Amino acid sequence: YLEVEIDPPQDGPAAVRVTPVCAARAVYEVHEIECDEQSH
């Protein structure tokens, strides 16, 4: 998710800082495993 900090505009554009924050409790991963040498 994102944490966003914005300084109000003062004689120019507003300053915006965006920080992504790790959120997932379950993380999906895909792994490829070489199995050609296995017989059972």
PDB file of all heavy atoms in Angstrom:
ATOM      1  N   TYR A   1       0.872  -1.164   0.000  1.00  0.00           N
ATOM      2  CA  TYR A   1       0.000   0.000   0.000  1.00  0.00           C
ATOM      3  C   TYR A   1       0.914   1.220   0.000  1.00  0.00           C
ATOM      4  O   TYR A   1       2.155   1.075   0.062  1.00  0.00           O
ATOM      5  CB  TYR A   1      -0.953  -0.003   1.206  1.00  0.00           C
ATOM      6  CG  TYR A   1      -0.295   0.234   2.549  1.00  0.00           C
ATOM      7  CD1 TYR A   1      -0.159   1.517   3.063  1.00  0.00           C
ATOM      8  CD2 TYR A   1       0.189  -0.828   3.313  1.00  0.00           C
ATOM      9  CE1 TYR A   1       0.460   1.739   4.295  1.00  0.00           C
ATOM     10  CE2 TYR A   1       0.804  -0.620   4.532  1.00  0.00           C
ATOM     11  CZ  TYR A   1       0.924   0.666   5.019  1.00  0.00           C
ATOM     12  OH  TYR A   1       1.534   0.885   6.235  1.00  0.00           O
ATOM     13  N   LEU A   2       0.352   2.424  -0.106  1.00  0.00           N
ATOM     14  CA  LEU A   2       1.159   3.636  -0.213  1.00  0.00           C
ATOM     15  C   LEU A   2       0.927   4.577   0.963  1.00  0.00           C
ATOM     16  O   LEU A   2      -0.220   4.782   1.384  1.00  0.00           O
ATOM     17  CB  LEU A   2       0.835   4.376  -1.515  1.00  0.00           C
ATOM     18  CG  LEU A   2       1.068   3.601  -2.816  1.00  0.00           C
ATOM     19  CD1 LEU A   2       0.679   4.462  -4.012  1.00  0.00           C
ATOM     20  CD2 LEU A   2       2.503   3.121  -2.937  1.00  0.00           C
ATOM     21  N   GLU A   3       2.013   5.127   1.469  1.00  0.00           N
ATOM     22  CA  GLU A   3       1.942   6.239   2.413  1.00  0.00           C
ATOM     23  C   GLU A   3       2.334   7.501   1.656  1.00  0.00           C
ATOM     24  O   GLU A   3       3.413   7.561   1.048  1.00  0.00           O
ATOM     25  CB  GLU A   3       2.868   6.008   3.603  1.00  0.00           C
ATOM     26  CG  GLU A   3       2.415   4.831   4.459  1.00  0.00           C
ATOM     27  CD  GLU A   3       3.266   4.593   5.682  1.00  0.00           C
ATOM     28  OE1 GLU A   3       4.303   5.282   5.841  1.00  0.00           O
ATOM     29  OE2 GLU A   3       2.891   3.734   6.493  1.00  0.00           O
ATOM     30  N   VAL A   4       1.456   8.484   1.679  1.00  0.00           N
ATOM     31  CA  VAL A   4       1.619   9.689   0.867  1.00  0.00           C
ATOM     32  C   VAL A   4       1.710  10.894   1.798  1.00  0.00           C
ATOM     33  O   VAL A   4       0.867  11.071   2.688  1.00  0.00           O
ATOM     34  CB  VAL A   4       0.432   9.865  -0.106  1.00  0.00           C
ATOM     35  CG1 VAL A   4       0.651  11.086  -0.997  1.00  0.00           C
ATOM     36  CG2 VAL A   4       0.235   8.601  -0.938  1.00  0.00           C
ATOM     37  N   GLU A   5       2.720  11.717   1.601  1.00  0.00           N
ATOM     38  CA  GLU A   5       2.878  12.959   2.356  1.00  0.00           C
ATOM     39  C   GLU A   5       2.885  14.129   1.374  1.00  0.00           C
ATOM     40  O   GLU A   5       3.623  14.108   0.384  1.00  0.00           O
ATOM     41  CB  GLU A   5       4.174  12.938   3.162  1.00  0.00           C
ATOM     42  CG  GLU A   5       4.210  11.820   4.199  1.00  0.00           C
ATOM     43  CD  GLU A   5       5.529  11.779   4.947  1.00  0.00           C
ATOM     44  OE1 GLU A   5       5.678  12.546   5.919  1.00  0.00           O
ATOM     45  OE2 GLU A   5       6.400  10.993   4.540  1.00  0.00           O
ATOM     46  N   ILE A   6       2.060  15.126   1.656  1.00  0.00           N
ATOM     47  CA  ILE A   6       1.911  16.271   0.755  1.00  0.00           C
ATOM     48  C   ILE A   6       2.065  17.556   1.561  1.00  0.00           C
ATOM     49  O   ILE A   6       1.348  17.774   2.547  1.00  0.00           O
ATOM     50  CB  ILE A   6       0.539  16.263   0.053  1.00  0.00           C
ATOM     51  CG1 ILE A   6       0.293  14.917  -0.644  1.00  0.00           C
ATOM     52  CG2 ILE A   6       0.452  17.406  -0.947  1.00  0.00           C
ATOM     53  CD1 ILE A   6      -1.088  14.787  -1.262  1.00  0.00           C
ATOM     54  N   ASP A   7       3.012  18.385   1.138  1.00  0.00           N
ATOM     55  CA  ASP A   7       3.155  19.707   1.739  1.00  0.00           C
ATOM     56  C   ASP A   7       2.230  20.673   1.008  1.00  0.00           C
ATOM     57  O   ASP A   7       2.252  20.732  -0.228  1.00  0.00           O
ATOM     58  CB  ASP A   7       4.594  20.192   1.625  1.00  0.00           C
ATOM     59  CG  ASP A   7       5.560  19.319   2.409  1.00  0.00           C
ATOM     60  OD1 ASP A   7       5.124  18.675   3.377  1.00  0.00           O
ATOM     61  OD2 ASP A   7       6.756  19.265   2.030  1.00  0.00           O
ATOM     62  N   PRO A   8       1.407  21.441   1.717  1.00  0.00           N
ATOM     63  CA  PRO A   8       0.507  22.390   1.055  1.00  0.00           C
ATOM     64  C   PRO A   8       1.267  23.331   0.130  1.00  0.00           C
ATOM     65  O   PRO A   8       2.414  23.705   0.409  1.00  0.00           O
ATOM     66  CB  PRO A   8      -0.124  23.144   2.230  1.00  0.00           C
ATOM     67  CG  PRO A   8      -0.027  22.205   3.382  1.00  0.00           C
ATOM     68  CD  PRO A   8       1.263  21.455   3.175  1.00  0.00           C
ATOM     69  N   PRO A   9       0.650  23.711  -1.003  1.00  0.00           N
ATOM     70  CA  PRO A   9       1.329  24.593  -1.960  1.00  0.00           C
ATOM     71  C   PRO A   9       1.559  25.979  -1.382  1.00  0.00           C
ATOM     72  O   PRO A   9       0.665  26.568  -0.772  1.00  0.00           O
ATOM     73  CB  PRO A   9       0.346  24.641  -3.140  1.00  0.00           C
ATOM     74  CG  PRO A   9      -0.990  24.312  -2.547  1.00  0.00           C
ATOM     75  CD  PRO A   9      -0.720  23.362  -1.419  1.00  0.00           C
ATOM     76  N   GLN A  10       2.772  26.488  -1.560  1.00  0.00           N
ATOM     77  CA  GLN A  10       3.124  27.829  -1.119  1.00  0.00           C
ATOM     78  C   GLN A  10       4.000  28.471  -2.192  1.00  0.00           C
ATOM     79  O   GLN A  10       5.188  28.155  -2.306  1.00  0.00           O
ATOM     80  CB  GLN A  10       3.858  27.796   0.227  1.00  0.00           C
ATOM     81  CG  GLN A  10       2.997  27.286   1.377  1.00  0.00           C
ATOM     82  CD  GLN A  10       3.753  27.252   2.693  1.00  0.00           C
ATOM     83  OE1 GLN A  10       4.972  27.468   2.732  1.00  0.00           O
ATOM     84  NE2 GLN A  10       3.050  26.997   3.768  1.00  0.00           N
ATOM     85  N   ASP A  11       3.389  29.320  -2.990  1.00  0.00           N
ATOM     86  CA  ASP A  11       4.106  29.997  -4.079  1.00  0.00           C
ATOM     87  C   ASP A  11       4.785  29.004  -5.014  1.00  0.00           C
ATOM     88  O   ASP A  11       5.916  29.208  -5.472  1.00  0.00           O
ATOM     89  CB  ASP A  11       5.162  30.970  -3.510  1.00  0.00           C
ATOM     90  CG  ASP A  11       4.551  32.034  -2.621  1.00  0.00           C
ATOM     91  OD1 ASP A  11       3.427  32.480  -2.937  1.00  0.00           O
ATOM     92  OD2 ASP A  11       5.170  32.385  -1.600  1.00  0.00           O
ATOM     93  N   GLY A  12       4.109  27.907  -5.291  1.00  0.00           N
ATOM     94  CA  GLY A  12       4.651  26.893  -6.185  1.00  0.00           C
ATOM     95  C   GLY A  12       3.891  25.593  -6.023  1.00  0.00           C
ATOM     96  O   GLY A  12       2.922  25.506  -5.263  1.00  0.00           O
ATOM     97  N   PRO A  13       4.312  24.548  -6.743  1.00  0.00           N
ATOM     98  CA  PRO A  13       3.614  23.273  -6.662  1.00  0.00           C
ATOM     99  C   PRO A  13       3.782  22.619  -5.296  1.00  0.00           C
ATOM    100  O   PRO A  13       4.769  22.846  -4.590  1.00  0.00           O
ATOM    101  CB  PRO A  13       4.259  22.433  -7.768  1.00  0.00           C
ATOM    102  CG  PRO A  13       5.615  23.034  -7.944  1.00  0.00           C
ATOM    103  CD  PRO A  13       5.440  24.498  -7.687  1.00  0.00           C
ATOM    104  N   ALA A  14       2.808  21.794  -4.916  1.00  0.00           N
ATOM    105  CA  ALA A  14       2.896  21.054  -3.668  1.00  0.00           C
ATOM    106  C   ALA A  14       3.979  19.984  -3.779  1.00  0.00           C
ATOM    107  O   ALA A  14       4.203  19.406  -4.850  1.00  0.00           O
ATOM    108  CB  ALA A  14       1.552  20.407  -3.351  1.00  0.00           C
ATOM    109  N   ALA A  15       4.686  19.736  -2.678  1.00  0.00           N
ATOM    110  CA  ALA A  15       5.686  18.671  -2.631  1.00  0.00           C
ATOM    111  C   ALA A  15       4.992  17.379  -2.217  1.00  0.00           C
ATOM    112  O   ALA A  15       4.331  17.331  -1.174  1.00  0.00           O
ATOM    113  CB  ALA A  15       6.793  19.025  -1.652  1.00  0.00           C
ATOM    114  N   VAL A  16       5.131  16.324  -3.034  1.00  0.00           N
ATOM    115  CA  VAL A  16       4.461  15.054  -2.786  1.00  0.00           C
ATOM    116  C   VAL A  16       5.513  13.960  -2.646  1.00  0.00           C
ATOM    117  O   VAL A  16       6.375  13.798  -3.513  1.00  0.00           O
ATOM    118  CB  VAL A  16       3.491  14.695  -3.932  1.00  0.00           C
ATOM    119  CG1 VAL A  16       2.789  13.377  -3.645  1.00  0.00           C
ATOM    120  CG2 VAL A  16       2.469  15.811  -4.136  1.00  0.00           C
ATOM    121  N   ARG A  17       5.447  13.216  -1.551  1.00  0.00           N
ATOM    122  CA  ARG A  17       6.350  12.091  -1.308  1.00  0.00           C
ATOM    123  C   ARG A  17       5.506  10.820  -1.140  1.00  0.00           C
ATOM    124  O   ARG A  17       4.598  10.792  -0.309  1.00  0.00           O
ATOM    125  CB  ARG A  17       7.204  12.334  -0.066  1.00  0.00           C
ATOM    126  CG  ARG A  17       8.120  13.550  -0.187  1.00  0.00           C
ATOM    127  CD  ARG A  17       8.840  13.863   1.108  1.00  0.00           C
ATOM    128  NE  ARG A  17       7.930  14.238   2.184  1.00  0.00           N
ATOM    129  CZ  ARG A  17       7.390  15.434   2.330  1.00  0.00           C
ATOM    130  NH1 ARG A  17       7.639  16.398   1.432  1.00  0.00           N
ATOM    131  NH2 ARG A  17       6.584  15.698   3.338  1.00  0.00           N
ATOM    132  N   VAL A  18       5.835   9.798  -1.906  1.00  0.00           N
ATOM    133  CA  VAL A  18       5.062   8.555  -1.897  1.00  0.00           C
ATOM    134  C   VAL A  18       5.983   7.403  -1.518  1.00  0.00           C
ATOM    135  O   VAL A  18       7.035   7.213  -2.145  1.00  0.00           O
ATOM    136  CB  VAL A  18       4.418   8.290  -3.273  1.00  0.00           C
ATOM    137  CG1 VAL A  18       3.631   6.979  -3.259  1.00  0.00           C
ATOM    138  CG2 VAL A  18       3.507   9.461  -3.661  1.00  0.00           C
ATOM    139  N   THR A  19       5.589   6.640  -0.507  1.00  0.00           N
ATOM    140  CA  THR A  19       6.391   5.518  -0.026  1.00  0.00           C
ATOM    141  C   THR A  19       5.585   4.228  -0.107  1.00  0.00           C
ATOM    142  O   THR A  19       4.576   4.086   0.592  1.00  0.00           O
ATOM    143  CB  THR A  19       6.835   5.742   1.428  1.00  0.00           C
ATOM    144  OG1 THR A  19       7.541   6.980   1.536  1.00  0.00           O
ATOM    145  CG2 THR A  19       7.716   4.596   1.911  1.00  0.00           C
ATOM    146  N   PRO A  20       5.990   3.268  -0.950  1.00  0.00           N
ATOM    147  CA  PRO A  20       5.337   1.954  -0.932  1.00  0.00           C
ATOM    148  C   PRO A  20       5.730   1.194   0.339  1.00  0.00           C
ATOM    149  O   PRO A  20       6.892   1.176   0.737  1.00  0.00           O
ATOM    150  CB  PRO A  20       5.887   1.262  -2.178  1.00  0.00           C
ATOM    151  CG  PRO A  20       6.481   2.349  -3.019  1.00  0.00           C
ATOM    152  CD  PRO A  20       6.960   3.380  -2.050  1.00  0.00           C
ATOM    153  N   VAL A  21       4.737   0.580   0.974  1.00  0.00           N
ATOM    154  CA  VAL A  21       4.955  -0.159   2.217  1.00  0.00           C
ATOM    155  C   VAL A  21       4.557  -1.616   1.998  1.00  0.00           C
ATOM    156  O   VAL A  21       3.447  -1.895   1.521  1.00  0.00           O
ATOM    157  CB  VAL A  21       4.132   0.442   3.379  1.00  0.00           C
ATOM    158  CG1 VAL A  21       4.367  -0.341   4.661  1.00  0.00           C
ATOM    159  CG2 VAL A  21       4.495   1.916   3.572  1.00  0.00           C
ATOM    160  N   CYS A  22       5.450  -2.542   2.332  1.00  0.00           N
ATOM    161  CA  CYS A  22       5.158  -3.970   2.170  1.00  0.00           C
ATOM    162  C   CYS A  22       3.927  -4.336   2.991  1.00  0.00           C
ATOM    163  O   CYS A  22       3.816  -3.968   4.165  1.00  0.00           O
ATOM    164  CB  CYS A  22       6.345  -4.806   2.622  1.00  0.00           C
ATOM    165  SG  CYS A  22       7.833  -4.570   1.628  1.00  0.00           S
ATOM    166  N   ALA A  23       3.003  -5.070   2.377  1.00  0.00           N
ATOM    167  CA  ALA A  23       1.734  -5.346   3.044  1.00  0.00           C
ATOM    168  C   ALA A  23       1.352  -6.818   3.059  1.00  0.00           C
ATOM    169  O   ALA A  23       0.697  -7.274   3.995  1.00  0.00           O
ATOM    170  CB  ALA A  23       0.616  -4.545   2.361  1.00  0.00           C
ATOM    171  N   ALA A  24       1.694  -7.584   2.033  1.00  0.00           N
ATOM    172  CA  ALA A  24       1.142  -8.927   1.843  1.00  0.00           C
ATOM    173  C   ALA A  24       1.524  -9.860   2.981  1.00  0.00           C
ATOM    174  O   ALA A  24       2.687  -9.921   3.393  1.00  0.00           O
ATOM    175  CB  ALA A  24       1.601  -9.505   0.510  1.00  0.00           C
ATOM    176  N   ARG A  25       0.538 -10.612   3.493  1.00  0.00           N
ATOM    177  CA  ARG A  25       0.784 -11.671   4.468  1.00  0.00           C
ATOM    178  C   ARG A  25       1.118 -12.980   3.757  1.00  0.00           C
ATOM    179  O   ARG A  25       1.827 -13.816   4.315  1.00  0.00           O
ATOM    180  CB  ARG A  25      -0.447 -11.853   5.357  1.00  0.00           C
ATOM    181  CG  ARG A  25      -0.847 -10.618   6.157  1.00  0.00           C
ATOM    182  CD  ARG A  25       0.220 -10.252   7.179  1.00  0.00           C
ATOM    183  NE  ARG A  25      -0.136  -9.069   7.938  1.00  0.00           N
ATOM    184  CZ  ARG A  25      -0.789  -9.105   9.112  1.00  0.00           C
ATOM    185  NH1 ARG A  25      -1.174 -10.262   9.608  1.00  0.00           N
ATOM    186  NH2 ARG A  25      -1.056  -7.991   9.753  1.00  0.00           N
ATOM    187  N   ALA A  26       0.577 -13.181   2.578  1.00  0.00           N
ATOM    188  CA  ALA A  26       0.879 -14.354   1.757  1.00  0.00           C
ATOM    189  C   ALA A  26       1.504 -13.866   0.459  1.00  0.00           C
ATOM    190  O   ALA A  26       0.942 -13.005  -0.209  1.00  0.00           O
ATOM    191  CB  ALA A  26      -0.385 -15.158   1.480  1.00  0.00           C
ATOM    192  N   VAL A  27       2.673 -14.389   0.132  1.00  0.00           N
ATOM    193  CA  VAL A  27       3.394 -13.970  -1.065  1.00  0.00           C
ATOM    194  C   VAL A  27       3.487 -15.156  -2.019  1.00  0.00           C
ATOM    195  O   VAL A  27       3.995 -16.217  -1.655  1.00  0.00           O
ATOM    196  CB  VAL A  27       4.804 -13.458  -0.713  1.00  0.00           C
ATOM    197  CG1 VAL A  27       5.570 -13.081  -1.977  1.00  0.00           C
ATOM    198  CG2 VAL A  27       4.719 -12.253   0.225  1.00  0.00           C
ATOM    199  N   TYR A  28       2.979 -14.979  -3.216  1.00  0.00           N
ATOM    200  CA  TYR A  28       3.028 -16.038  -4.225  1.00  0.00           C
ATOM    201  C   TYR A  28       4.377 -16.019  -4.937  1.00  0.00           C
ATOM    202  O   TYR A  28       4.887 -14.956  -5.293  1.00  0.00           O
ATOM    203  CB  TYR A  28       1.908 -15.849  -5.256  1.00  0.00           C
ATOM    204  CG  TYR A  28       0.522 -16.120  -4.718  1.00  0.00           C
ATOM    205  CD1 TYR A  28      -0.247 -15.089  -4.170  1.00  0.00           C
ATOM    206  CD2 TYR A  28      -0.027 -17.391  -4.773  1.00  0.00           C
ATOM    207  CE1 TYR A  28      -1.513 -15.330  -3.684  1.00  0.00           C
ATOM    208  CE2 TYR A  28      -1.297 -17.642  -4.288  1.00  0.00           C
ATOM    209  CZ  TYR A  28      -2.046 -16.613  -3.736  1.00  0.00           C
ATOM    210  OH  TYR A  28      -3.299 -16.851  -3.246  1.00  0.00           O
ATOM    211  N   GLU A  29       4.926 -17.210  -5.144  1.00  0.00           N
ATOM    212  CA  GLU A  29       6.158 -17.349  -5.907  1.00  0.00           C
ATOM    213  C   GLU A  29       6.020 -18.524  -6.860  1.00  0.00           C
ATOM    214  O   GLU A  29       5.306 -19.484  -6.572  1.00  0.00           O
ATOM    215  CB  GLU A  29       7.365 -17.576  -4.992  1.00  0.00           C
ATOM    216  CG  GLU A  29       7.695 -16.390  -4.094  1.00  0.00           C
ATOM    217  CD  GLU A  29       8.947 -16.614  -3.268  1.00  0.00           C
ATOM    218  OE1 GLU A  29       9.487 -17.746  -3.329  1.00  0.00           O
ATOM    219  OE2 GLU A  29       9.369 -15.678  -2.577  1.00  0.00           O
ATOM    220  N   VAL A  30       6.699 -18.440  -7.991  1.00  0.00           N
ATOM    221  CA  VAL A  30       6.722 -19.520  -8.972  1.00  0.00           C
ATOM    222  C   VAL A  30       8.172 -19.957  -9.145  1.00  0.00           C
ATOM    223  O   VAL A  30       9.044 -19.129  -9.417  1.00  0.00           O
ATOM    224  CB  VAL A  30       6.127 -19.070 -10.324  1.00  0.00           C
ATOM    225  CG1 VAL A  30       6.243 -20.193 -11.351  1.00  0.00           C
ATOM    226  CG2 VAL A  30       4.670 -18.654 -10.154  1.00  0.00           C
ATOM    227  N   HIS A  31       8.433 -21.238  -8.962  1.00  0.00           N
ATOM    228  CA  HIS A  31       9.780 -21.780  -9.124  1.00  0.00           C
ATOM    229  C   HIS A  31       9.754 -22.893 -10.169  1.00  0.00           C
ATOM    230  O   HIS A  31       8.838 -23.714 -10.181  1.00  0.00           O
ATOM    231  CB  HIS A  31      10.294 -22.351  -7.797  1.00  0.00           C
ATOM    232  CG  HIS A  31      10.383 -21.344  -6.694  1.00  0.00           C
ATOM    233  ND1 HIS A  31      11.468 -20.513  -6.538  1.00  0.00           N
ATOM    234  CD2 HIS A  31       9.516 -21.007  -5.706  1.00  0.00           C
ATOM    235  CE1 HIS A  31      11.277 -19.728  -5.500  1.00  0.00           C
ATOM    236  NE2 HIS A  31      10.088 -20.007  -4.969  1.00  0.00           N
ATOM    237  N   GLU A  32      10.750 -22.907 -11.010  1.00  0.00           N
ATOM    238  CA  GLU A  32      10.921 -23.998 -11.964  1.00  0.00           C
ATOM    239  C   GLU A  32      12.031 -24.920 -11.451  1.00  0.00           C
ATOM    240  O   GLU A  32      13.134 -24.458 -11.142  1.00  0.00           O
ATOM    241  CB  GLU A  32      11.288 -23.461 -13.351  1.00  0.00           C
ATOM    242  CG  GLU A  32      10.160 -22.654 -13.998  1.00  0.00           C
ATOM    243  CD  GLU A  32      10.481 -22.249 -15.418  1.00  0.00           C
ATOM    244  OE1 GLU A  32      11.535 -22.704 -15.927  1.00  0.00           O
ATOM    245  OE2 GLU A  32       9.698 -21.495 -16.006  1.00  0.00           O
ATOM    246  N   ILE A  33      11.723 -26.205 -11.344  1.00  0.00           N
ATOM    247  CA  ILE A  33      12.660 -27.177 -10.788  1.00  0.00           C
ATOM    248  C   ILE A  33      12.991 -28.204 -11.858  1.00  0.00           C
ATOM    249  O   ILE A  33      12.082 -28.823 -12.431  1.00  0.00           O
ATOM    250  CB  ILE A  33      12.054 -27.856  -9.544  1.00  0.00           C
ATOM    251  CG1 ILE A  33      11.704 -26.800  -8.490  1.00  0.00           C
ATOM    252  CG2 ILE A  33      13.016 -28.889  -8.974  1.00  0.00           C
ATOM    253  CD1 ILE A  33      10.968 -27.341  -7.294  1.00  0.00           C
ATOM    254  N   GLU A  34      14.267 -28.378 -12.115  1.00  0.00           N
ATOM    255  CA  GLU A  34      14.718 -29.347 -13.107  1.00  0.00           C
ATOM    256  C   GLU A  34      14.523 -30.768 -12.562  1.00  0.00           C
ATOM    257  O   GLU A  34      15.058 -31.120 -11.504  1.00  0.00           O
ATOM    258  CB  GLU A  34      16.189 -29.107 -13.440  1.00  0.00           C
ATOM    259  CG  GLU A  34      16.765 -30.087 -14.433  1.00  0.00           C
ATOM    260  CD  GLU A  34      16.025 -30.055 -15.750  1.00  0.00           C
ATOM    261  OE1 GLU A  34      15.926 -28.971 -16.358  1.00  0.00           O
ATOM    262  OE2 GLU A  34      15.518 -31.119 -16.155  1.00  0.00           O
ATOM    263  N   CYS A  35      13.739 -31.571 -13.276  1.00  0.00           N
ATOM    264  CA  CYS A  35      13.418 -32.925 -12.811  1.00  0.00           C
ATOM    265  C   CYS A  35      13.873 -34.017 -13.780  1.00  0.00           C
ATOM    266  O   CYS A  35      13.559 -35.199 -13.563  1.00  0.00           O
ATOM    267  CB  CYS A  35      11.909 -33.050 -12.566  1.00  0.00           C
ATOM    268  SG  CYS A  35      11.269 -31.948 -11.295  1.00  0.00           S
ATOM    269  N   ASP A  36      14.601 -33.656 -14.831  1.00  0.00           N
ATOM    270  CA  ASP A  36      14.954 -34.645 -15.850  1.00  0.00           C
ATOM    271  C   ASP A  36      15.798 -35.790 -15.298  1.00  0.00           C
ATOM    272  O   ASP A  36      15.725 -36.922 -15.778  1.00  0.00           O
ATOM    273  CB  ASP A  36      15.709 -33.971 -16.995  1.00  0.00           C
ATOM    274  CG  ASP A  36      14.796 -33.092 -17.840  1.00  0.00           C
ATOM    275  OD1 ASP A  36      13.570 -33.175 -17.633  1.00  0.00           O
ATOM    276  OD2 ASP A  36      15.302 -32.306 -18.663  1.00  0.00           O
ATOM    277  N   GLU A  37      16.616 -35.515 -14.279  1.00  0.00           N
ATOM    278  CA  GLU A  37      17.509 -36.551 -13.746  1.00  0.00           C
ATOM    279  C   GLU A  37      16.824 -37.440 -12.713  1.00  0.00           C
ATOM    280  O   GLU A  37      17.450 -38.381 -12.210  1.00  0.00           O
ATOM    281  CB  GLU A  37      18.728 -35.883 -13.113  1.00  0.00           C
ATOM    282  CG  GLU A  37      19.539 -35.019 -14.058  1.00  0.00           C
ATOM    283  CD  GLU A  37      20.086 -35.833 -15.227  1.00  0.00           C
ATOM    284  OE1 GLU A  37      20.496 -36.985 -15.000  1.00  0.00           O
ATOM    285  OE2 GLU A  37      20.083 -35.306 -16.367  1.00  0.00           O
ATOM    286  N   GLN A  38      15.584 -37.157 -12.376  1.00  0.00           N
ATOM    287  CA  GLN A  38      14.893 -37.937 -11.353  1.00  0.00           C
ATOM    288  C   GLN A  38      14.042 -39.024 -11.993  1.00  0.00           C
ATOM    289  O   GLN A  38      13.375 -38.792 -12.998  1.00  0.00           O
ATOM    290  CB  GLN A  38      14.033 -37.014 -10.494  1.00  0.00           C
ATOM    291  CG  GLN A  38      14.860 -35.936  -9.776  1.00  0.00           C
ATOM    292  CD  GLN A  38      14.012 -34.949  -9.005  1.00  0.00           C
ATOM    293  OE1 GLN A  38      12.792 -35.098  -8.927  1.00  0.00           O
ATOM    294  NE2 GLN A  38      14.651 -33.945  -8.432  1.00  0.00           N
ATOM    295  N   SER A  39      14.072 -40.200 -11.386  1.00  0.00           N
ATOM    296  CA  SER A  39      13.385 -41.347 -11.971  1.00  0.00           C
ATOM    297  C   SER A  39      12.157 -41.785 -11.192  1.00  0.00           C
ATOM    298  O   SER A  39      11.380 -42.626 -11.670  1.00  0.00           O
ATOM    299  CB  SER A  39      14.356 -42.525 -12.097  1.00  0.00           C
ATOM    300  OG  SER A  39      14.848 -42.898 -10.823  1.00  0.00           O
ATOM    301  N   HIS A  40      11.958 -41.263  -9.969  1.00  0.00           N
ATOM    302  CA  HIS A  40      10.776 -41.644  -9.198  1.00  0.00           C
ATOM    303  C   HIS A  40      10.417 -40.510  -8.240  1.00  0.00           C
ATOM    304  O   HIS A  40      11.227 -39.598  -7.982  1.00  0.00           O
ATOM    305  CB  HIS A  40      10.979 -42.960  -8.443  1.00  0.00           C
ATOM    306  CG  HIS A  40      12.177 -42.953  -7.526  1.00  0.00           C
ATOM    307  ND1 HIS A  40      12.158 -42.386  -6.303  1.00  0.00           N
ATOM    308  CD2 HIS A  40      13.438 -43.437  -7.710  1.00  0.00           C
ATOM    309  CE1 HIS A  40      13.335 -42.529  -5.713  1.00  0.00           C
ATOM    310  NE2 HIS A  40      14.137 -43.172  -6.586  1.00  0.00           N
TER     311      HIS A  40
END
